[in-house]
Amino acid sequence: MKVKFTTPFILIIVLLVECQATTFEPPTIIIPANISDTSTQSPAVAFTARLTLTPQPTLRQSELISKGKLDCLSEDAFTKCVDNVLNIEFEYPTTWKEIEAVLRTGGYSGYAYDYYYGGKTIAETEPLVAGGRSKDFSEGRGGMSTDFAGYGDVGLQFKKKACDSIWNDLFPICQEVTAGVAWMIQFPNAKYICNNAPGFYTKPIFRIEVNLPNNPTINGFVFEALFLSEKLSIQVKNDLYPLLGLGPDMFPTKCSDADQKAFDAKLIAFVEMINMKTIDRETQRKLDELIHLATSIQFR
């Protein structure tokens, strides 16, 4: 089918390119104001639009910088390690098995540093994970709980300081151990769950954050692990999650004011049990181990 334009039009593309290393002149495009006008009126005066071309970073193949087991010594219930990349030492539960540390470049920029427990992948051990990033880390993907580059407002530094009250909806319990180390319990309230997409921030997790502002490679590092016993975990799933209609995908289907108030009331009861140490023995044992890890972190 032939299309007939009764109004003539002109599309003029002028490319101005100067062969200089530091200068690129974007193309000028002259387009008539009413290109689709098929009336017999005179063509409208053309206007000039200048395209702004922003250079985009190129996704590269991540490069392995170092890979190897940490320098650790088992001391019965805990294993003491020295990490020369983070310039810290710490004691973690021996039941987590040996740690292999991997330092690599990011897909676009920066550095990523992760621990692998017992020869398993992160997918095999999560939510038991540990890792950190540089301030300029970028990889063009969805977020991970180990995407932490310390405190500030650059790149992945989404927290300005430890135990900031603006994060209370996600972390109802938070304690700063020393300047640069804080532990918290992730146990989000109804407002957070109903207003955010489901994901790794929904489940109860014990989290330790290490701020490394002066480290030349990695600026923040986290340890995360489950802390609920099997018994308490089942109780949370049976008593708490149904109040917001949370299924296996952790997507809320009940978020009325009444639903949220009922959920938060039950959540406060669980949090009080943790604060008052009236939870079951297995949960308390796990919490004690994780708090020991947090308090054992020393900067070198």
Foldseek 3Di string as FASTA:
>chain_A
DDDDALADFDKDKDADADPDPPDGAFIKTWGFPCPPDRDNDHTHDIDIDGDDDDDDFDFDDKAWDDKAWFDWADDPQWIWTADPQLQKIFIAGCVQATWMKTWIAERRGAIKIWIDTPPDDCVVDPVFTKIFTDLPHDHPDDDDPRDDQADDPGRSRPHNAFPPPVCCQQFVDKDALDHFKIKTWGDHALVVLQVDQDDPSHDTKIKMKGAQCPRPGGGIMMGIDDQDDPVVVVVCVVPAQVLQPQDPSGHGPRRDPVSRVSNVVVVVVVVVCVVVVVDDPSSVVSVVSVVNRRNRMDHD
